[in-house]
Amino acid sequence: MTDMRSEYAKTLVDLGKKNPSIVVLGADTTDSLKTSAFGKEFPNRFFNVGIAEGNLVSLSAGLAVSGKTAFASTYAIFLPGRAVDQIRNGIAYPSPPGKKGLNVKLVASHAGLSVGPDGGSHQQIEDIAIMRAIPNFRVFVPADTFAVTKLTQLMANEYGPFYMRMARSKTPVIHSASQEFQTGKGITVREGTDCTIAACGITVRMALEAAESLQNEGISCRVLDMFSVKPIDSDILEKAARETGCIVTCEEHNIYGGMGSAVTEAVSELYPVPIKRIGAQDMFGESARDNEVPLLLEKHGITSFNMIRQVKELRSKL
């Protein structure tokens, strides 16, 4: 089990040593997100603005206009939760000649229901929908620490605004150090011919567990890591639709507007097949101690068992 926040902070320090234009900003959560490590290494390139998320975004935009590559981080419920106006009008809308938006990378932790004890008021299940609807932004949801490292490096090297959401809880390793990540490209983490499960974030591991169980029952299930929610990989989805005939999506997000919606939109235009979206069923979360988080996810159907059930149900209708 590995920690996304620690890997993110470590990657920022490594990038900071190579690129003096990188600056890191936080909003009173820099110890929790581990980004204070960057501040210890580069105190003149680190800014903790306090509990002022709108200011966090606006300051990041100003630094980007000044030629910096700005990484701004806090909890997902606060970013974009409290600062969508500044994100839209301060980062996405201003566009230098020949470019789209400003060079700001918004990286949020504590996303989804697995935040746990903080309850529904702090369990951000709308952020993917918000950020994918804002022009010029690209949206990532990494499944493990290898993905966090590679995507942080990618964002640092590619101009423009990005949003990446990380989980609070520690996560198992899904990918290898050699796995390549590209904007707008999904990853086939398991081949299959009878159905496809498209997942992102912590649900990728669940999807692999579901596929393993289905294999024992003679059902060959493909698993896709759709870490790039925007832009979505239409090619890999069309191929999956044509070759497997049905798709189940699963995410730690409201079923409206999230990765499942993005998959459904793409497939419906290219090669329509039956799709079932698993996620929060348009309802808020609730407080759950760390050992109770699996029960909370189960309440919303975000489990490998439910994926198995939905795959069988879809296949029964083909």
Protein backbone atom coordinates (compact mmCIF):
# COMPACT_ATOMS: atom_id res chain seq x y z
CA MET A 1 0.00 0.00 0.00
CA THR A 2 1.43 3.37 -1.03
CA ASP A 3 0.53 7.00 -0.35
CA MET A 4 -0.36 9.29 -3.27
CA ARG A 5 0.28 12.50 -1.33
CA SER A 6 3.81 11.46 -0.35
CA GLU A 7 4.64 10.47 -3.91
CA TYR A 8 3.20 13.72 -5.26
CA ALA A 9 5.32 15.79 -2.87
CA LYS A 10 8.45 13.76 -3.63
CA THR A 11 7.92 14.22 -7.36
CA LEU A 12 7.49 17.98 -6.94
CA VAL A 13 10.82 18.21 -5.12
CA ASP A 14 12.53 16.20 -7.87
CA LEU A 15 10.97 18.42 -10.54
CA GLY A 16 11.89 21.55 -8.60
CA LYS A 17 15.54 20.61 -8.69
CA LYS A 18 15.45 20.39 -12.47
CA ASN A 19 13.11 23.28 -13.24
CA PRO A 20 13.56 26.56 -11.33
CA SER A 21 10.31 27.95 -12.75
CA ILE A 22 8.19 25.50 -10.74
CA VAL A 23 6.41 27.00 -7.74
CA VAL A 24 4.15 25.25 -5.26
CA LEU A 25 1.21 26.74 -3.39
CA GLY A 26 -1.06 25.46 -0.63
CA ALA A 27 -3.99 26.57 1.51
CA ASP A 28 -3.22 25.55 5.10
CA THR A 29 -3.10 21.86 4.15
CA THR A 30 0.55 21.68 3.10
CA ASP A 31 1.50 19.31 5.92
CA SER A 32 -1.37 16.97 5.09
CA LEU A 33 -0.56 17.00 1.39
CA LYS A 34 3.17 16.72 2.21
CA THR A 35 3.98 19.68 -0.07
CA SER A 36 5.72 21.41 2.84
CA ALA A 37 8.70 19.25 1.79
CA PHE A 38 8.99 21.44 -1.31
CA GLY A 39 8.97 24.51 0.91
CA LYS A 40 11.84 23.17 2.99
CA GLU A 41 13.86 22.56 -0.16
CA PHE A 42 12.84 25.77 -2.00
CA PRO A 43 11.49 28.30 0.53
CA ASN A 44 11.44 31.13 -2.01
CA ARG A 45 9.24 29.13 -4.39
CA PHE A 46 6.67 27.93 -1.86
CA PHE A 47 3.56 29.82 -0.76
CA ASN A 48 1.06 28.84 1.93
CA VAL A 49 -1.82 31.31 1.58
CA GLY A 50 -3.83 29.99 4.52
CA ILE A 51 -7.52 29.13 4.45
CA ALA A 52 -8.19 31.22 1.33
CA GLU A 53 -8.77 28.97 -1.65
CA GLY A 54 -9.87 31.76 -4.01
CA ASN A 55 -6.63 33.54 -3.23
CA LEU A 56 -4.73 30.30 -3.79
CA VAL A 57 -6.10 30.09 -7.33
CA SER A 58 -5.66 33.79 -8.13
CA LEU A 59 -2.09 33.86 -6.85
CA SER A 60 -1.30 30.77 -8.90
CA ALA A 61 -2.70 32.49 -11.97
CA GLY A 62 -0.56 35.56 -11.34
CA LEU A 63 2.57 33.47 -10.97
CA ALA A 64 1.73 31.65 -14.21
CA VAL A 65 1.35 34.98 -16.03
CA SER A 66 4.82 35.81 -14.71
CA GLY A 67 6.26 32.73 -16.40
CA LYS A 68 6.08 30.22 -13.56
CA THR A 69 4.70 26.69 -13.64
CA ALA A 70 2.35 26.76 -10.67
CA PHE A 71 1.19 23.70 -8.72
CA ALA A 72 -1.65 24.57 -6.33
CA SER A 73 -2.92 21.94 -3.94
CA THR A 74 -5.46 21.42 -1.16
CA TYR A 75 -8.43 19.15 -0.43
CA ALA A 76 -10.87 18.45 -3.26
CA ILE A 77 -13.84 19.79 -1.31
CA PHE A 78 -12.11 23.20 -1.28
CA LEU A 79 -10.58 23.02 -4.75
CA PRO A 80 -12.67 23.28 -6.86
CA GLY A 81 -15.38 23.34 -4.19
CA ARG A 82 -14.83 26.91 -2.99
CA ALA A 83 -13.02 28.47 -5.91
CA VAL A 84 -14.74 27.52 -9.15
CA ASP A 85 -15.23 31.18 -10.14
CA GLN A 86 -11.52 31.95 -9.78
CA ILE A 87 -10.62 28.71 -11.55
CA ARG A 88 -12.87 29.46 -14.50
CA ASN A 89 -12.20 33.16 -14.92
CA GLY A 90 -8.67 33.35 -13.54
CA ILE A 91 -7.02 30.23 -15.00
CA ALA A 92 -9.11 28.73 -17.80
CA TYR A 93 -10.38 31.89 -19.49
CA PRO A 94 -7.20 34.03 -19.86
CA SER A 95 -5.26 32.64 -22.82
CA PRO A 96 -1.91 33.99 -24.04
CA PRO A 97 -1.51 34.14 -27.83
CA GLY A 98 -1.57 30.66 -29.31
CA LYS A 99 -2.29 28.99 -25.98
CA LYS A 100 -5.34 27.86 -24.02
CA GLY A 101 -5.59 28.96 -20.40
CA LEU A 102 -2.75 29.58 -17.97
CA ASN A 103 0.01 27.22 -16.87
CA VAL A 104 -1.52 26.20 -13.54
CA LYS A 105 -1.82 22.66 -12.21
CA LEU A 106 -4.54 22.12 -9.61
CA VAL A 107 -3.91 18.96 -7.59
CA ALA A 108 -6.47 17.96 -4.99
CA SER A 109 -6.36 15.27 -2.33
CA HIS A 110 -9.09 13.76 -0.13
CA ALA A 111 -11.47 13.25 -3.06
CA GLY A 112 -14.50 10.98 -3.13
CA LEU A 113 -16.25 9.02 -0.41
CA SER A 114 -13.09 7.39 0.98
CA VAL A 115 -12.27 10.62 2.86
CA GLY A 116 -14.17 8.86 5.64
CA PRO A 117 -14.78 10.50 9.03
CA ASP A 118 -15.19 14.06 7.74
CA GLY A 119 -18.56 13.05 6.32
CA GLY A 120 -20.71 14.21 3.44
CA SER A 121 -19.78 17.88 3.76
CA HIS A 122 -16.15 17.02 2.95
CA GLN A 123 -16.60 14.07 0.59
CA GLN A 124 -16.17 15.69 -2.80
CA ILE A 125 -18.16 13.73 -5.38
CA GLU A 126 -18.82 16.54 -7.87
CA ASP A 127 -15.32 17.75 -8.78
CA ILE A 128 -14.81 15.72 -11.96
CA ALA A 129 -18.13 16.99 -13.32
CA ILE A 130 -17.19 20.58 -12.45
CA MET A 131 -13.68 20.49 -13.88
CA ARG A 132 -14.42 18.59 -17.09
CA ALA A 133 -17.07 21.19 -17.94
CA ILE A 134 -14.62 24.09 -17.76
CA PRO A 135 -13.00 24.79 -21.16
CA ASN A 136 -9.23 24.31 -21.53
CA PHE A 137 -8.89 22.11 -18.43
CA ARG A 138 -7.67 18.53 -18.59
CA VAL A 139 -8.70 16.13 -15.82
CA PHE A 140 -6.70 13.21 -14.38
CA VAL A 141 -7.64 10.58 -11.76
CA PRO A 142 -4.59 8.40 -10.95
CA ALA A 143 -5.04 4.84 -9.70
CA ASP A 144 -1.74 4.49 -7.82
CA THR A 145 1.53 6.20 -6.94
CA PHE A 146 3.23 5.30 -10.22
CA ALA A 147 0.42 7.15 -11.98
CA VAL A 148 0.78 10.11 -9.62
CA THR A 149 4.49 10.38 -10.38
CA LYS A 150 4.12 10.07 -14.14
CA LEU A 151 1.14 12.43 -14.34
CA THR A 152 2.79 15.07 -12.15
CA GLN A 153 5.81 14.94 -14.46
CA LEU A 154 3.53 15.13 -17.49
CA MET A 155 1.70 18.17 -16.13
CA ALA A 156 4.98 19.93 -15.36
CA ASN A 157 6.23 19.39 -18.91
CA GLU A 158 3.01 20.16 -20.76
CA TYR A 159 1.66 23.70 -20.93
CA GLY A 160 -1.78 24.58 -19.69
CA PRO A 161 -4.31 24.03 -16.91
CA PHE A 162 -4.77 20.57 -15.39
CA TYR A 163 -6.82 19.15 -12.54
CA MET A 164 -5.68 15.95 -10.81
CA ARG A 165 -7.61 14.35 -7.95
CA MET A 166 -5.95 12.00 -5.47
CA ALA A 167 -7.36 9.72 -2.78
CA ARG A 168 -6.72 10.22 0.93
CA SER A 169 -6.30 6.52 1.62
CA LYS A 170 -3.25 4.48 0.75
CA THR A 171 -3.59 2.56 -2.50
CA PRO A 172 -2.22 -0.72 -3.89
CA VAL A 173 0.17 -0.65 -6.82
CA ILE A 174 -1.56 -1.21 -10.16
CA HIS A 175 1.02 -0.16 -12.74
CA SER A 176 4.73 -0.69 -13.17
CA ALA A 177 7.45 1.96 -13.20
CA SER A 178 7.78 1.47 -16.96
CA GLN A 179 4.11 2.23 -17.71
CA GLU A 180 3.70 5.25 -19.98
CA PHE A 181 0.96 7.82 -19.47
CA GLN A 182 -0.34 10.21 -22.11
CA THR A 183 -2.97 12.90 -21.97
CA GLY A 184 -6.16 11.57 -23.53
CA LYS A 185 -5.04 7.92 -23.58
CA GLY A 186 -6.52 5.18 -21.41
CA ILE A 187 -4.63 2.04 -20.40
CA THR A 188 -5.74 -1.56 -20.89
CA VAL A 189 -4.68 -3.18 -17.62
CA ARG A 190 -6.35 -6.52 -18.40
CA GLU A 191 -7.50 -7.99 -21.69
CA GLY A 192 -10.93 -9.51 -22.12
CA THR A 193 -13.54 -10.31 -24.75
CA ASP A 194 -16.93 -10.63 -23.01
CA CYS A 195 -17.36 -7.28 -21.28
CA THR A 196 -15.37 -4.18 -20.28
CA ILE A 197 -15.02 -2.46 -16.92
CA ALA A 198 -13.80 1.14 -17.21
CA ALA A 199 -12.54 2.50 -13.90
CA CYS A 200 -10.40 5.28 -12.46
CA GLY A 201 -8.72 6.04 -9.16
CA ILE A 202 -9.20 3.55 -6.34
CA THR A 203 -11.81 1.61 -8.33
CA VAL A 204 -9.23 0.24 -10.80
CA ARG A 205 -8.08 -2.31 -8.23
CA MET A 206 -11.71 -3.25 -7.58
CA ALA A 207 -12.23 -3.74 -11.32
CA LEU A 208 -9.26 -6.09 -11.52
CA GLU A 209 -10.60 -8.10 -8.59
CA ALA A 210 -13.99 -8.30 -10.30
CA ALA A 211 -12.41 -9.43 -13.56
CA GLU A 212 -10.47 -12.16 -11.75
CA SER A 213 -13.64 -13.50 -10.15
CA LEU A 214 -15.52 -13.35 -13.45
CA GLN A 215 -12.71 -15.28 -15.14
CA ASN A 216 -13.28 -18.09 -12.64
CA GLU A 217 -16.86 -18.22 -13.92
CA GLY A 218 -15.80 -18.32 -17.55
CA ILE A 219 -16.41 -14.63 -18.32
CA SER A 220 -13.49 -12.79 -19.90
CA CYS A 221 -13.56 -9.17 -18.71
CA ARG A 222 -11.43 -6.34 -20.07
CA VAL A 223 -10.32 -3.65 -17.58
CA LEU A 224 -9.47 -0.10 -18.61
CA ASP A 225 -7.82 2.54 -16.44
CA MET A 226 -9.47 5.72 -17.70
CA PHE A 227 -7.19 8.02 -15.70
CA SER A 228 -7.54 10.73 -18.35
CA VAL A 229 -11.17 11.69 -17.90
CA LYS A 230 -10.75 14.77 -20.05
CA PRO A 231 -9.79 14.36 -22.78
CA ILE A 232 -11.30 10.87 -22.77
CA ASP A 233 -9.76 8.16 -24.95
CA SER A 234 -12.52 7.61 -27.52
CA ASP A 235 -10.42 5.12 -29.50
CA ILE A 236 -9.88 2.67 -26.65
CA LEU A 237 -13.56 2.93 -25.71
CA GLU A 238 -14.83 2.34 -29.24
CA LYS A 239 -12.53 -0.68 -29.54
CA ALA A 240 -13.82 -2.05 -26.23
CA ALA A 241 -17.43 -1.47 -27.25
CA ARG A 242 -16.98 -3.25 -30.58
CA GLU A 243 -15.00 -6.17 -29.17
CA THR A 244 -16.75 -6.82 -25.84
CA GLY A 245 -20.31 -5.60 -26.41
CA CYS A 246 -21.02 -3.91 -23.07
CA ILE A 247 -19.31 -1.61 -20.57
CA VAL A 248 -19.56 -1.12 -16.82
CA THR A 249 -18.00 2.06 -15.40
CA CYS A 250 -17.03 2.60 -11.78
CA GLU A 251 -15.77 5.68 -9.97
CA GLU A 252 -15.69 7.32 -6.56
CA HIS A 253 -17.87 10.19 -7.78
CA ASN A 254 -21.49 11.02 -8.49
CA ILE A 255 -22.73 9.05 -11.49
CA TYR A 256 -23.80 12.36 -13.05
CA GLY A 257 -21.06 14.22 -14.88
CA GLY A 258 -18.11 12.03 -13.92
CA MET A 259 -15.93 9.52 -15.73
CA GLY A 260 -18.90 7.27 -16.38
CA SER A 261 -20.72 10.11 -18.09
CA ALA A 262 -17.65 10.87 -20.19
CA VAL A 263 -17.44 7.20 -21.26
CA THR A 264 -21.14 7.10 -22.06
CA GLU A 265 -20.96 10.27 -24.13
CA ALA A 266 -18.04 8.95 -26.19
CA VAL A 267 -19.46 5.46 -26.75
CA SER A 268 -22.94 6.70 -27.65
CA GLU A 269 -21.49 8.74 -30.51
CA LEU A 270 -19.16 6.06 -31.84
CA TYR A 271 -20.56 2.56 -31.23
CA PRO A 272 -23.49 2.43 -28.81
CA VAL A 273 -23.58 -0.57 -26.48
CA PRO A 274 -25.28 -1.21 -23.11
CA ILE A 275 -23.52 0.71 -20.32
CA LYS A 276 -24.02 0.67 -16.55
CA ARG A 277 -22.53 3.44 -14.41
CA ILE A 278 -21.47 2.64 -10.85
CA GLY A 279 -20.81 5.48 -8.42
CA ALA A 280 -22.55 7.63 -5.86
CA GLN A 281 -26.22 7.44 -6.86
CA ASP A 282 -26.90 11.18 -6.75
CA MET A 283 -26.70 11.21 -2.96
CA PHE A 284 -24.23 12.62 -0.47
CA GLY A 285 -21.89 10.50 1.60
CA GLU A 286 -21.79 10.28 5.37
CA SER A 287 -19.26 9.97 8.13
CA ALA A 288 -17.36 6.69 8.25
CA ARG A 289 -14.33 5.86 10.35
CA ASP A 290 -11.40 4.52 8.38
CA ASN A 291 -12.35 0.90 9.08
CA GLU A 292 -15.91 1.68 8.00
CA VAL A 293 -15.06 3.22 4.62
CA PRO A 294 -15.54 -0.12 2.81
CA LEU A 295 -19.08 -0.20 4.23
CA LEU A 296 -19.74 3.31 2.93
CA LEU A 297 -18.47 2.36 -0.52
CA GLU A 298 -20.63 -0.76 -0.39
CA LYS A 299 -23.69 1.35 0.40
CA HIS A 300 -23.11 3.24 -2.85
CA GLY A 301 -22.36 0.08 -4.82
CA ILE A 302 -18.70 0.93 -5.35
CA THR A 303 -17.40 -2.60 -4.93
CA SER A 304 -15.98 -5.42 -7.03
CA PHE A 305 -19.03 -7.51 -6.08
CA ASN A 306 -21.39 -4.95 -7.63
CA MET A 307 -19.23 -4.76 -10.74
CA ILE A 308 -19.57 -8.54 -11.10
CA ARG A 309 -23.32 -8.30 -10.68
CA GLN A 310 -23.66 -5.49 -13.22
CA VAL A 311 -21.47 -7.27 -15.79
CA LYS A 312 -23.67 -10.36 -15.55
CA GLU A 313 -26.83 -8.30 -15.79
CA LEU A 314 -25.64 -6.44 -18.88
CA ARG A 315 -24.50 -9.65 -20.57
CA SER A 316 -27.89 -11.24 -19.90
CA LYS A 317 -29.51 -8.53 -22.05
CA LEU A 318 -27.22 -8.95 -25.07
